[in-house]
Amino acid sequence: MSMKIQTKAVHHGDRKKPGNAIPVTTPIYAASSYIYEDVRELDRVFGHEIPGQSYARYSNPTTDALEELLTSLESGAGSLACSSGMMAIQMAIHAALADRKRSIVAAQAIYGATVSLLMNMLAPSGISVRFVDFNNLEALEAAVKEENPGCLLMETISNPLLRVAHIGRIAEIANAAGAALIVDSTFATPLICRPLEWGAHLVTHSLTKYLSGHGDVLAGAVISDGAHLDTLRAASRTVGPVLGPFESYLVMRGIKTFPLRMERQCQNACRVATWLASRPDVVRVFYPAEPNHPDPDAIRQLFAPGLF
């Protein structure tokens, strides 16, 4: 059957089923929707009765591969790749508070944009927010008893003062109160610390930073435990905070070298911090391995040895 050139332009060379060969990197799947020979099969995919691709707001093969990688790195039950690190934090908070009190106890030492999200967007919408020193466990426990929050929010290594709180003990406080613990682990990366292994419920990353590492992609991620994954995925299918396939490909490319890059960055940071500490005109150095760091016990317990 002869096809018009207009039809050839749409169909030829496209929509081929993969053969037996396996690509060495995940291809970029740019399709927004998928064709099935039997519409009933598509209906079952839409209904989550069988696995498969249907619509890019729900899932994408390239992004699925990135999420599988992130889940493995953080020892999670599943992941959601997002358009930015801030979107990841917002989605994690939504998953945490979906069936809990709309109240957050957050660390005082936390990223400025996260403070802005809490105070300028979430608080006006009716979510109460209280800031506490997470390095003072007695004060934190007292605040949690007073507020009975739906979630606790902290960072593995705080931005920018590099404080390190005891994630495991904070997770115990959260669990005792029936709250979820969200940990932004952007500064640490899974090479240094994996908060889910210490009892956190949801971990977020700005993939733009160390994990991607090349300065050419804006991305974030939530890695979830089993209890919050379905809520997280359901919210994503409705809200659509998803990362695009090209960005997912770039992040996966970057992650292949992140352990090597992170090791070298830690070595370089140690040399810089050591030099600065030797300078008489430098008043204070903020660095996890600095002898006078206020949180040495947490650092020794949580962080992989040999990096600081």
C-alpha atoms as a PDB file:
ATOM      1  CA  MET A   1       0.000   0.000   0.000  1.00  0.00           C
ATOM      2  CA  SER A   2       1.376   3.350  -1.071  1.00  0.00           C
ATOM      3  CA  MET A   3       1.459   6.051   1.616  1.00  0.00           C
ATOM      4  CA  LYS A   4       1.267   9.775   1.100  1.00  0.00           C
ATOM      5  CA  ILE A   5       4.339  11.729   2.068  1.00  0.00           C
ATOM      6  CA  GLN A   6       2.371  13.310   4.928  1.00  0.00           C
ATOM      7  CA  THR A   7       1.718   9.846   6.384  1.00  0.00           C
ATOM      8  CA  LYS A   8       5.321   8.757   5.860  1.00  0.00           C
ATOM      9  CA  ALA A   9       6.505  11.851   7.738  1.00  0.00           C
ATOM     10  CA  VAL A  10       4.485  10.745  10.765  1.00  0.00           C
ATOM     11  CA  HIS A  11       5.061   6.997  10.788  1.00  0.00           C
ATOM     12  CA  HIS A  12       8.167   5.801   8.935  1.00  0.00           C
ATOM     13  CA  GLY A  13      11.152   4.847  11.064  1.00  0.00           C
ATOM     14  CA  ASP A  14       9.183   5.356  14.267  1.00  0.00           C
ATOM     15  CA  ARG A  15       7.377   3.160  16.790  1.00  0.00           C
ATOM     16  CA  LYS A  16       9.574   0.134  16.312  1.00  0.00           C
ATOM     17  CA  LYS A  17       9.594  -2.557  18.957  1.00  0.00           C
ATOM     18  CA  PRO A  18      13.045  -3.178  20.468  1.00  0.00           C
ATOM     19  CA  GLY A  19      14.872  -6.302  19.341  1.00  0.00           C
ATOM     20  CA  ASN A  20      17.127  -8.563  21.378  1.00  0.00           C
ATOM     21  CA  ALA A  21      19.956  -6.035  21.676  1.00  0.00           C
ATOM     22  CA  ILE A  22      20.331  -4.112  24.956  1.00  0.00           C
ATOM     23  CA  PRO A  23      21.561  -0.485  24.751  1.00  0.00           C
ATOM     24  CA  VAL A  24      24.489   0.299  27.046  1.00  0.00           C
ATOM     25  CA  THR A  25      22.682   3.444  28.250  1.00  0.00           C
ATOM     26  CA  THR A  26      18.963   3.981  28.708  1.00  0.00           C
ATOM     27  CA  PRO A  27      17.474   5.656  25.619  1.00  0.00           C
ATOM     28  CA  ILE A  28      15.596   8.937  25.861  1.00  0.00           C
ATOM     29  CA  TYR A  29      11.926   8.087  25.468  1.00  0.00           C
ATOM     30  CA  ALA A  30      10.271  11.343  24.433  1.00  0.00           C
ATOM     31  CA  ALA A  31       6.790   9.883  23.800  1.00  0.00           C
ATOM     32  CA  SER A  32       3.966  11.480  25.768  1.00  0.00           C
ATOM     33  CA  SER A  33       1.616   8.544  25.139  1.00  0.00           C
ATOM     34  CA  TYR A  34       1.708   4.948  23.915  1.00  0.00           C
ATOM     35  CA  ILE A  35      -0.157   2.793  21.398  1.00  0.00           C
ATOM     36  CA  TYR A  36      -1.507  -0.684  22.161  1.00  0.00           C
ATOM     37  CA  GLU A  37      -2.960  -3.054  19.586  1.00  0.00           C
ATOM     38  CA  ASP A  38      -5.769  -3.884  22.012  1.00  0.00           C
ATOM     39  CA  VAL A  39      -7.448  -0.940  23.762  1.00  0.00           C
ATOM     40  CA  ARG A  40      -8.415  -3.271  26.591  1.00  0.00           C
ATOM     41  CA  GLU A  41      -4.750  -3.784  27.378  1.00  0.00           C
ATOM     42  CA  LEU A  42      -4.245  -0.019  27.494  1.00  0.00           C
ATOM     43  CA  ASP A  43      -7.228   0.254  29.834  1.00  0.00           C
ATOM     44  CA  ARG A  44      -5.650  -2.298  32.176  1.00  0.00           C
ATOM     45  CA  VAL A  45      -2.374  -0.369  32.138  1.00  0.00           C
ATOM     46  CA  PHE A  46      -4.237   2.843  32.988  1.00  0.00           C
ATOM     47  CA  GLY A  47      -5.927   1.008  35.829  1.00  0.00           C
ATOM     48  CA  HIS A  48      -2.587  -0.309  37.180  1.00  0.00           C
ATOM     49  CA  GLU A  49      -3.789  -3.877  36.708  1.00  0.00           C
ATOM     50  CA  ILE A  50      -0.754  -4.747  34.592  1.00  0.00           C
ATOM     51  CA  PRO A  51       2.616  -3.019  34.154  1.00  0.00           C
ATOM     52  CA  GLY A  52       3.217  -0.807  31.155  1.00  0.00           C
ATOM     53  CA  GLN A  53       3.522   2.724  29.831  1.00  0.00           C
ATOM     54  CA  SER A  54       0.466   4.826  29.086  1.00  0.00           C
ATOM     55  CA  TYR A  55       1.002   8.548  29.657  1.00  0.00           C
ATOM     56  CA  ALA A  56       4.150  10.485  30.486  1.00  0.00           C
ATOM     57  CA  ARG A  57       2.616  12.209  33.516  1.00  0.00           C
ATOM     58  CA  TYR A  58       2.280   8.753  35.061  1.00  0.00           C
ATOM     59  CA  SER A  59       5.625   7.255  34.043  1.00  0.00           C
ATOM     60  CA  ASN A  60       8.322   7.271  31.397  1.00  0.00           C
ATOM     61  CA  PRO A  61      10.862   4.498  30.643  1.00  0.00           C
ATOM     62  CA  THR A  62      13.867   6.806  30.913  1.00  0.00           C
ATOM     63  CA  THR A  63      12.665   8.327  34.159  1.00  0.00           C
ATOM     64  CA  ASP A  64      11.677   4.886  35.465  1.00  0.00           C
ATOM     65  CA  ALA A  65      15.295   3.807  35.008  1.00  0.00           C
ATOM     66  CA  LEU A  66      16.559   6.831  36.953  1.00  0.00           C
ATOM     67  CA  GLU A  67      14.067   6.170  39.749  1.00  0.00           C
ATOM     68  CA  GLU A  68      15.166   2.544  39.948  1.00  0.00           C
ATOM     69  CA  LEU A  69      18.774   3.717  40.239  1.00  0.00           C
ATOM     70  CA  LEU A  70      17.968   6.235  42.985  1.00  0.00           C
ATOM     71  CA  THR A  71      15.937   3.679  44.916  1.00  0.00           C
ATOM     72  CA  SER A  72      18.891   1.305  44.879  1.00  0.00           C
ATOM     73  CA  LEU A  73      21.403   3.973  45.938  1.00  0.00           C
ATOM     74  CA  GLU A  74      19.296   5.070  48.921  1.00  0.00           C
ATOM     75  CA  SER A  75      18.011   1.604  49.940  1.00  0.00           C
ATOM     76  CA  GLY A  76      14.413   2.715  49.442  1.00  0.00           C
ATOM     77  CA  ALA A  77      11.157   1.100  48.351  1.00  0.00           C
ATOM     78  CA  GLY A  78      10.664   3.445  45.393  1.00  0.00           C
ATOM     79  CA  SER A  79      11.414   6.913  44.062  1.00  0.00           C
ATOM     80  CA  LEU A  80       9.871   9.888  42.324  1.00  0.00           C
ATOM     81  CA  ALA A  81      12.059  12.014  40.046  1.00  0.00           C
ATOM     82  CA  CYS A  82      10.909  15.639  40.107  1.00  0.00           C
ATOM     83  CA  SER A  83      11.492  18.840  38.173  1.00  0.00           C
ATOM     84  CA  SER A  84      13.614  20.337  40.995  1.00  0.00           C
ATOM     85  CA  GLY A  85      14.851  19.676  44.501  1.00  0.00           C
ATOM     86  CA  MET A  86      12.281  22.101  45.907  1.00  0.00           C
ATOM     87  CA  MET A  87       9.482  20.244  44.135  1.00  0.00           C
ATOM     88  CA  ALA A  88      10.822  17.032  45.677  1.00  0.00           C
ATOM     89  CA  ILE A  89      10.574  18.532  49.172  1.00  0.00           C
ATOM     90  CA  GLN A  90       7.030  19.717  48.489  1.00  0.00           C
ATOM     91  CA  MET A  91       5.988  16.258  47.257  1.00  0.00           C
ATOM     92  CA  ALA A  92       7.616  14.583  50.263  1.00  0.00           C
ATOM     93  CA  ILE A  93       5.718  16.874  52.626  1.00  0.00           C
ATOM     94  CA  HIS A  94       2.469  16.107  50.809  1.00  0.00           C
ATOM     95  CA  ALA A  95       3.072  12.366  51.153  1.00  0.00           C
ATOM     96  CA  ALA A  96       3.928  12.751  54.829  1.00  0.00           C
ATOM     97  CA  LEU A  97       0.893  14.868  55.708  1.00  0.00           C
ATOM     98  CA  ALA A  98      -1.690  13.135  53.499  1.00  0.00           C
ATOM     99  CA  ASP A  99      -3.184  11.252  56.448  1.00  0.00           C
ATOM    100  CA  ARG A 100      -1.593  13.134  59.347  1.00  0.00           C
ATOM    101  CA  LYS A 101      -1.988  16.407  61.190  1.00  0.00           C
ATOM    102  CA  ARG A 102      -1.058  19.385  59.003  1.00  0.00           C
ATOM    103  CA  SER A 103       1.837  20.388  61.194  1.00  0.00           C
ATOM    104  CA  ILE A 104       5.598  20.406  60.628  1.00  0.00           C
ATOM    105  CA  VAL A 105       8.491  20.628  63.056  1.00  0.00           C
ATOM    106  CA  ALA A 106      11.507  21.698  61.018  1.00  0.00           C
ATOM    107  CA  ALA A 107      15.177  22.122  61.825  1.00  0.00           C
ATOM    108  CA  GLN A 108      16.388  25.650  62.472  1.00  0.00           C
ATOM    109  CA  ALA A 109      19.493  25.020  60.378  1.00  0.00           C
ATOM    110  CA  ILE A 110      17.963  24.463  56.967  1.00  0.00           C
ATOM    111  CA  TYR A 111      18.182  25.743  53.376  1.00  0.00           C
ATOM    112  CA  GLY A 112      16.743  29.224  52.847  1.00  0.00           C
ATOM    113  CA  ALA A 113      14.470  28.211  49.970  1.00  0.00           C
ATOM    114  CA  THR A 114      13.023  25.454  52.170  1.00  0.00           C
ATOM    115  CA  VAL A 115      12.271  28.036  54.847  1.00  0.00           C
ATOM    116  CA  SER A 116      10.553  30.130  52.187  1.00  0.00           C
ATOM    117  CA  LEU A 117       8.476  27.128  51.077  1.00  0.00           C
ATOM    118  CA  LEU A 118       7.404  26.442  54.648  1.00  0.00           C
ATOM    119  CA  MET A 119       6.629  30.017  55.668  1.00  0.00           C
ATOM    120  CA  ASN A 120       5.448  31.654  52.434  1.00  0.00           C
ATOM    121  CA  MET A 121       3.534  28.803  50.822  1.00  0.00           C
ATOM    122  CA  LEU A 122       2.639  26.059  53.281  1.00  0.00           C
ATOM    123  CA  ALA A 123       1.944  28.126  56.409  1.00  0.00           C
ATOM    124  CA  PRO A 124      -0.578  30.412  54.627  1.00  0.00           C
ATOM    125  CA  SER A 125      -2.375  27.282  53.393  1.00  0.00           C
ATOM    126  CA  GLY A 126      -3.037  26.158  56.953  1.00  0.00           C
ATOM    127  CA  ILE A 127       0.008  24.009  57.697  1.00  0.00           C
ATOM    128  CA  SER A 128       1.572  24.997  61.019  1.00  0.00           C
ATOM    129  CA  VAL A 129       5.358  25.237  61.087  1.00  0.00           C
ATOM    130  CA  ARG A 130       7.686  25.343  64.086  1.00  0.00           C
ATOM    131  CA  PHE A 131      11.467  25.586  63.902  1.00  0.00           C
ATOM    132  CA  VAL A 132      13.597  23.765  66.491  1.00  0.00           C
ATOM    133  CA  ASP A 133      17.284  23.016  67.017  1.00  0.00           C
ATOM    134  CA  PHE A 134      17.471  19.363  65.915  1.00  0.00           C
ATOM    135  CA  ASN A 135      20.899  19.066  67.526  1.00  0.00           C
ATOM    136  CA  ASN A 136      19.201  19.591  70.895  1.00  0.00           C
ATOM    137  CA  LEU A 137      17.274  16.354  71.210  1.00  0.00           C
ATOM    138  CA  GLU A 138      15.608  17.322  74.482  1.00  0.00           C
ATOM    139  CA  ALA A 139      14.252  20.523  72.961  1.00  0.00           C
ATOM    140  CA  LEU A 140      13.160  18.626  69.850  1.00  0.00           C
ATOM    141  CA  GLU A 141      11.355  15.954  71.865  1.00  0.00           C
ATOM    142  CA  ALA A 142       9.573  18.631  73.911  1.00  0.00           C
ATOM    143  CA  ALA A 143       8.488  20.476  70.760  1.00  0.00           C
ATOM    144  CA  VAL A 144       7.207  17.265  69.183  1.00  0.00           C
ATOM    145  CA  LYS A 145       5.147  16.497  72.307  1.00  0.00           C
ATOM    146  CA  GLU A 146       3.681  20.013  72.253  1.00  0.00           C
ATOM    147  CA  GLU A 147       2.940  20.166  68.534  1.00  0.00           C
ATOM    148  CA  ASN A 148       2.124  16.503  67.782  1.00  0.00           C
ATOM    149  CA  PRO A 149       3.259  17.192  64.181  1.00  0.00           C
ATOM    150  CA  GLY A 150       2.544  15.177  61.076  1.00  0.00           C
ATOM    151  CA  CYS A 151       6.171  15.295  60.012  1.00  0.00           C
ATOM    152  CA  LEU A 152       9.665  16.346  60.971  1.00  0.00           C
ATOM    153  CA  LEU A 153      11.936  17.964  58.370  1.00  0.00           C
ATOM    154  CA  MET A 154      15.715  18.152  58.515  1.00  0.00           C
ATOM    155  CA  GLU A 155      18.890  17.961  56.428  1.00  0.00           C
ATOM    156  CA  THR A 156      21.634  15.342  56.744  1.00  0.00           C
ATOM    157  CA  ILE A 157      24.267  18.081  56.540  1.00  0.00           C
ATOM    158  CA  SER A 158      22.641  21.444  57.091  1.00  0.00           C
ATOM    159  CA  ASN A 159      22.954  24.209  54.522  1.00  0.00           C
ATOM    160  CA  PRO A 160      25.055  26.321  54.986  1.00  0.00           C
ATOM    161  CA  LEU A 161      26.560  25.723  58.471  1.00  0.00           C
ATOM    162  CA  LEU A 162      27.138  21.969  58.032  1.00  0.00           C
ATOM    163  CA  ARG A 163      25.500  20.854  61.286  1.00  0.00           C
ATOM    164  CA  VAL A 164      24.851  17.115  61.611  1.00  0.00           C
ATOM    165  CA  ALA A 165      22.053  15.771  63.815  1.00  0.00           C
ATOM    166  CA  HIS A 166      21.466  12.174  64.966  1.00  0.00           C
ATOM    167  CA  ILE A 167      19.059  10.883  62.297  1.00  0.00           C
ATOM    168  CA  GLY A 168      18.475   7.569  64.063  1.00  0.00           C
ATOM    169  CA  ARG A 169      17.481   9.150  67.362  1.00  0.00           C
ATOM    170  CA  ILE A 170      15.344  11.742  65.607  1.00  0.00           C
ATOM    171  CA  ALA A 171      13.607   8.931  63.721  1.00  0.00           C
ATOM    172  CA  GLU A 172      12.782   7.339  67.077  1.00  0.00           C
ATOM    173  CA  ILE A 173      11.213  10.614  68.248  1.00  0.00           C
ATOM    174  CA  ALA A 174       9.203  10.838  65.025  1.00  0.00           C
ATOM    175  CA  ASN A 175       8.004   7.243  65.238  1.00  0.00           C
ATOM    176  CA  ALA A 176       6.958   7.648  68.868  1.00  0.00           C
ATOM    177  CA  ALA A 177       4.775  10.578  67.815  1.00  0.00           C
ATOM    178  CA  GLY A 178       3.392   8.837  64.722  1.00  0.00           C
ATOM    179  CA  ALA A 179       5.099  11.424  62.519  1.00  0.00           C
ATOM    180  CA  ALA A 180       7.059  10.963  59.298  1.00  0.00           C
ATOM    181  CA  LEU A 181      10.704  12.006  59.131  1.00  0.00           C
ATOM    182  CA  ILE A 182      11.786  13.767  55.924  1.00  0.00           C
ATOM    183  CA  VAL A 183      15.517  14.222  55.359  1.00  0.00           C
ATOM    184  CA  ASP A 184      17.002  16.403  52.630  1.00  0.00           C
ATOM    185  CA  SER A 185      20.264  14.590  51.942  1.00  0.00           C
ATOM    186  CA  THR A 186      21.513  16.728  49.053  1.00  0.00           C
ATOM    187  CA  PHE A 187      24.776  17.686  50.768  1.00  0.00           C
ATOM    188  CA  ALA A 188      25.559  14.139  51.891  1.00  0.00           C
ATOM    189  CA  THR A 189      24.618  11.974  48.886  1.00  0.00           C
ATOM    190  CA  PRO A 190      24.188   8.205  49.354  1.00  0.00           C
ATOM    191  CA  LEU A 191      27.978   7.780  49.309  1.00  0.00           C
ATOM    192  CA  ILE A 192      28.247   9.504  52.706  1.00  0.00           C
ATOM    193  CA  CYS A 193      24.944   8.661  54.410  1.00  0.00           C
ATOM    194  CA  ARG A 194      21.666   6.879  53.599  1.00  0.00           C
ATOM    195  CA  PRO A 195      18.984   8.268  55.955  1.00  0.00           C
ATOM    196  CA  LEU A 196      16.400   5.556  55.209  1.00  0.00           C
ATOM    197  CA  GLU A 197      18.796   3.042  56.755  1.00  0.00           C
ATOM    198  CA  TRP A 198      18.692   5.131  59.949  1.00  0.00           C
ATOM    199  CA  GLY A 199      14.893   5.227  60.127  1.00  0.00           C
ATOM    200  CA  ALA A 200      13.888   8.171  57.956  1.00  0.00           C
ATOM    201  CA  HIS A 201      10.680   7.726  55.964  1.00  0.00           C
ATOM    202  CA  LEU A 202      11.333  10.017  52.989  1.00  0.00           C
ATOM    203  CA  VAL A 203      14.632  11.305  51.592  1.00  0.00           C
ATOM    204  CA  THR A 204      14.960  14.157  49.104  1.00  0.00           C
ATOM    205  CA  HIS A 205      17.762  15.317  46.843  1.00  0.00           C
ATOM    206  CA  SER A 206      18.447  18.222  44.587  1.00  0.00           C
ATOM    207  CA  LEU A 207      19.828  16.096  41.768  1.00  0.00           C
ATOM    208  CA  THR A 208      21.146  19.313  40.240  1.00  0.00           C
ATOM    209  CA  LYS A 209      24.016  19.243  42.713  1.00  0.00           C
ATOM    210  CA  TYR A 210      26.404  16.351  43.437  1.00  0.00           C
ATOM    211  CA  LEU A 211      24.481  13.449  41.921  1.00  0.00           C
ATOM    212  CA  SER A 212      24.118  14.967  38.450  1.00  0.00           C
ATOM    213  CA  GLY A 213      27.264  16.990  38.882  1.00  0.00           C
ATOM    214  CA  HIS A 214      27.705  18.620  35.469  1.00  0.00           C
ATOM    215  CA  GLY A 215      25.778  21.875  35.913  1.00  0.00           C
ATOM    216  CA  ASP A 216      23.475  21.176  32.972  1.00  0.00           C
ATOM    217  CA  VAL A 217      20.254  19.874  34.505  1.00  0.00           C
ATOM    218  CA  LEU A 218      17.659  21.003  37.064  1.00  0.00           C
ATOM    219  CA  ALA A 219      16.168  18.019  38.878  1.00  0.00           C
ATOM    220  CA  GLY A 220      15.123  16.593  42.229  1.00  0.00           C
ATOM    221  CA  ALA A 221      13.982  13.321  43.723  1.00  0.00           C
ATOM    222  CA  VAL A 222      12.086  11.771  46.617  1.00  0.00           C
ATOM    223  CA  ILE A 223      13.131   8.305  47.738  1.00  0.00           C
ATOM    224  CA  SER A 224      10.428   6.699  49.857  1.00  0.00           C
ATOM    225  CA  ASP A 225       9.967   3.860  52.272  1.00  0.00           C
ATOM    226  CA  GLY A 226       7.194   1.378  51.565  1.00  0.00           C
ATOM    227  CA  ALA A 227       4.601   3.088  53.752  1.00  0.00           C
ATOM    228  CA  HIS A 228       4.542   6.365  51.796  1.00  0.00           C
ATOM    229  CA  LEU A 229       5.278   5.236  48.248  1.00  0.00           C
ATOM    230  CA  ASP A 230       1.703   4.696  47.010  1.00  0.00           C
ATOM    231  CA  THR A 231       0.634   8.105  48.329  1.00  0.00           C
ATOM    232  CA  LEU A 232       3.641   9.732  46.688  1.00  0.00           C
ATOM    233  CA  ARG A 233       3.017   8.088  43.316  1.00  0.00           C
ATOM    234  CA  ALA A 234      -0.732   8.818  43.383  1.00  0.00           C
ATOM    235  CA  ALA A 235      -0.082  12.498  44.073  1.00  0.00           C
ATOM    236  CA  SER A 236       2.462  12.611  41.266  1.00  0.00           C
ATOM    237  CA  ARG A 237       0.012  11.172  38.737  1.00  0.00           C
ATOM    238  CA  THR A 238      -2.429  13.948  39.585  1.00  0.00           C
ATOM    239  CA  VAL A 239      -0.138  16.938  40.112  1.00  0.00           C
ATOM    240  CA  GLY A 240       2.479  16.095  37.476  1.00  0.00           C
ATOM    241  CA  PRO A 241       5.762  17.276  39.056  1.00  0.00           C
ATOM    242  CA  VAL A 242       7.659  14.741  36.972  1.00  0.00           C
ATOM    243  CA  LEU A 243      11.110  15.073  35.485  1.00  0.00           C
ATOM    244  CA  GLY A 244      11.396  15.014  31.697  1.00  0.00           C
ATOM    245  CA  PRO A 245      13.138  12.127  29.910  1.00  0.00           C
ATOM    246  CA  PHE A 246      16.076  14.185  28.625  1.00  0.00           C
ATOM    247  CA  GLU A 247      16.795  15.506  32.118  1.00  0.00           C
ATOM    248  CA  SER A 248      16.475  11.973  33.503  1.00  0.00           C
ATOM    249  CA  TYR A 249      19.034  10.785  30.963  1.00  0.00           C
ATOM    250  CA  LEU A 250      21.445  13.566  31.965  1.00  0.00           C
ATOM    251  CA  VAL A 251      21.114  12.733  35.653  1.00  0.00           C
ATOM    252  CA  MET A 252      21.725   9.028  35.014  1.00  0.00           C
ATOM    253  CA  ARG A 253      24.801   9.905  32.989  1.00  0.00           C
ATOM    254  CA  GLY A 254      26.091  12.032  35.860  1.00  0.00           C
ATOM    255  CA  ILE A 255      25.404   9.448  38.554  1.00  0.00           C
ATOM    256  CA  LYS A 256      27.705   6.961  36.819  1.00  0.00           C
ATOM    257  CA  THR A 257      30.679   9.042  37.974  1.00  0.00           C
ATOM    258  CA  PHE A 258      29.286  10.553  41.168  1.00  0.00           C
ATOM    259  CA  PRO A 259      31.184   8.270  43.600  1.00  0.00           C
ATOM    260  CA  LEU A 260      34.512   9.204  41.989  1.00  0.00           C
ATOM    261  CA  ARG A 261      33.619  12.880  41.869  1.00  0.00           C
ATOM    262  CA  MET A 262      32.354  12.910  45.458  1.00  0.00           C
ATOM    263  CA  GLU A 263      35.485  11.240  46.796  1.00  0.00           C
ATOM    264  CA  ARG A 264      37.696  13.776  45.032  1.00  0.00           C
ATOM    265  CA  GLN A 265      35.489  16.682  46.138  1.00  0.00           C
ATOM    266  CA  CYS A 266      35.732  15.528  49.751  1.00  0.00           C
ATOM    267  CA  GLN A 267      39.521  15.255  49.448  1.00  0.00           C
ATOM    268  CA  ASN A 268      39.754  18.731  47.953  1.00  0.00           C
ATOM    269  CA  ALA A 269      37.419  20.182  50.588  1.00  0.00           C
ATOM    270  CA  CYS A 270      39.587  18.670  53.322  1.00  0.00           C
ATOM    271  CA  ARG A 271      42.700  20.304  51.876  1.00  0.00           C
ATOM    272  CA  VAL A 272      40.962  23.678  51.615  1.00  0.00           C
ATOM    273  CA  ALA A 273      39.534  23.442  55.149  1.00  0.00           C
ATOM    274  CA  THR A 274      42.897  22.409  56.577  1.00  0.00           C
ATOM    275  CA  TRP A 275      44.639  25.319  54.874  1.00  0.00           C
ATOM    276  CA  LEU A 276      41.996  27.790  56.051  1.00  0.00           C
ATOM    277  CA  ALA A 277      42.221  26.495  59.631  1.00  0.00           C
ATOM    278  CA  SER A 278      45.961  27.193  59.593  1.00  0.00           C
ATOM    279  CA  ARG A 279      45.456  30.836  58.673  1.00  0.00           C
ATOM    280  CA  PRO A 280      45.641  33.295  61.588  1.00  0.00           C
ATOM    281  CA  ASP A 281      43.268  35.670  59.819  1.00  0.00           C
ATOM    282  CA  VAL A 282      40.483  33.036  59.564  1.00  0.00           C
ATOM    283  CA  VAL A 283      38.182  33.140  62.588  1.00  0.00           C
ATOM    284  CA  ARG A 284      36.129  29.958  61.986  1.00  0.00           C
ATOM    285  CA  VAL A 285      36.051  27.028  59.596  1.00  0.00           C
ATOM    286  CA  PHE A 286      32.830  25.097  59.029  1.00  0.00           C
ATOM    287  CA  TYR A 287      33.751  21.566  57.971  1.00  0.00           C
ATOM    288  CA  PRO A 288      32.533  18.140  59.213  1.00  0.00           C
ATOM    289  CA  ALA A 289      36.045  16.862  59.998  1.00  0.00           C
ATOM    290  CA  GLU A 290      37.183  20.091  61.653  1.00  0.00           C
ATOM    291  CA  PRO A 291      38.401  19.198  65.200  1.00  0.00           C
ATOM    292  CA  ASN A 292      36.088  21.707  66.860  1.00  0.00           C
ATOM    293  CA  HIS A 293      32.954  20.726  64.935  1.00  0.00           C
ATOM    294  CA  PRO A 294      30.011  20.675  67.389  1.00  0.00           C
ATOM    295  CA  ASP A 295      28.592  17.323  66.182  1.00  0.00           C
ATOM    296  CA  PRO A 296      31.447  14.789  66.162  1.00  0.00           C
ATOM    297  CA  ASP A 297      29.409  11.890  67.593  1.00  0.00           C
ATOM    298  CA  ALA A 298      26.722  12.137  64.894  1.00  0.00           C
ATOM    299  CA  ILE A 299      29.354  12.433  62.176  1.00  0.00           C
ATOM    300  CA  ARG A 300      31.215   9.330  63.372  1.00  0.00           C
ATOM    301  CA  GLN A 301      27.989   7.355  63.622  1.00  0.00           C
ATOM    302  CA  LEU A 302      26.291   8.387  60.387  1.00  0.00           C
ATOM    303  CA  PHE A 303      28.994   9.018  57.822  1.00  0.00           C
ATOM    304  CA  ALA A 304      30.984   6.536  55.800  1.00  0.00           C
ATOM    305  CA  PRO A 305      34.579   6.452  57.101  1.00  0.00           C
ATOM    306  CA  GLY A 306      37.459   7.882  55.157  1.00  0.00           C
ATOM    307  CA  LEU A 307      35.624  10.672  53.329  1.00  0.00           C
ATOM    308  CA  PHE A 308      36.262  13.427  55.884  1.00  0.00           C
END
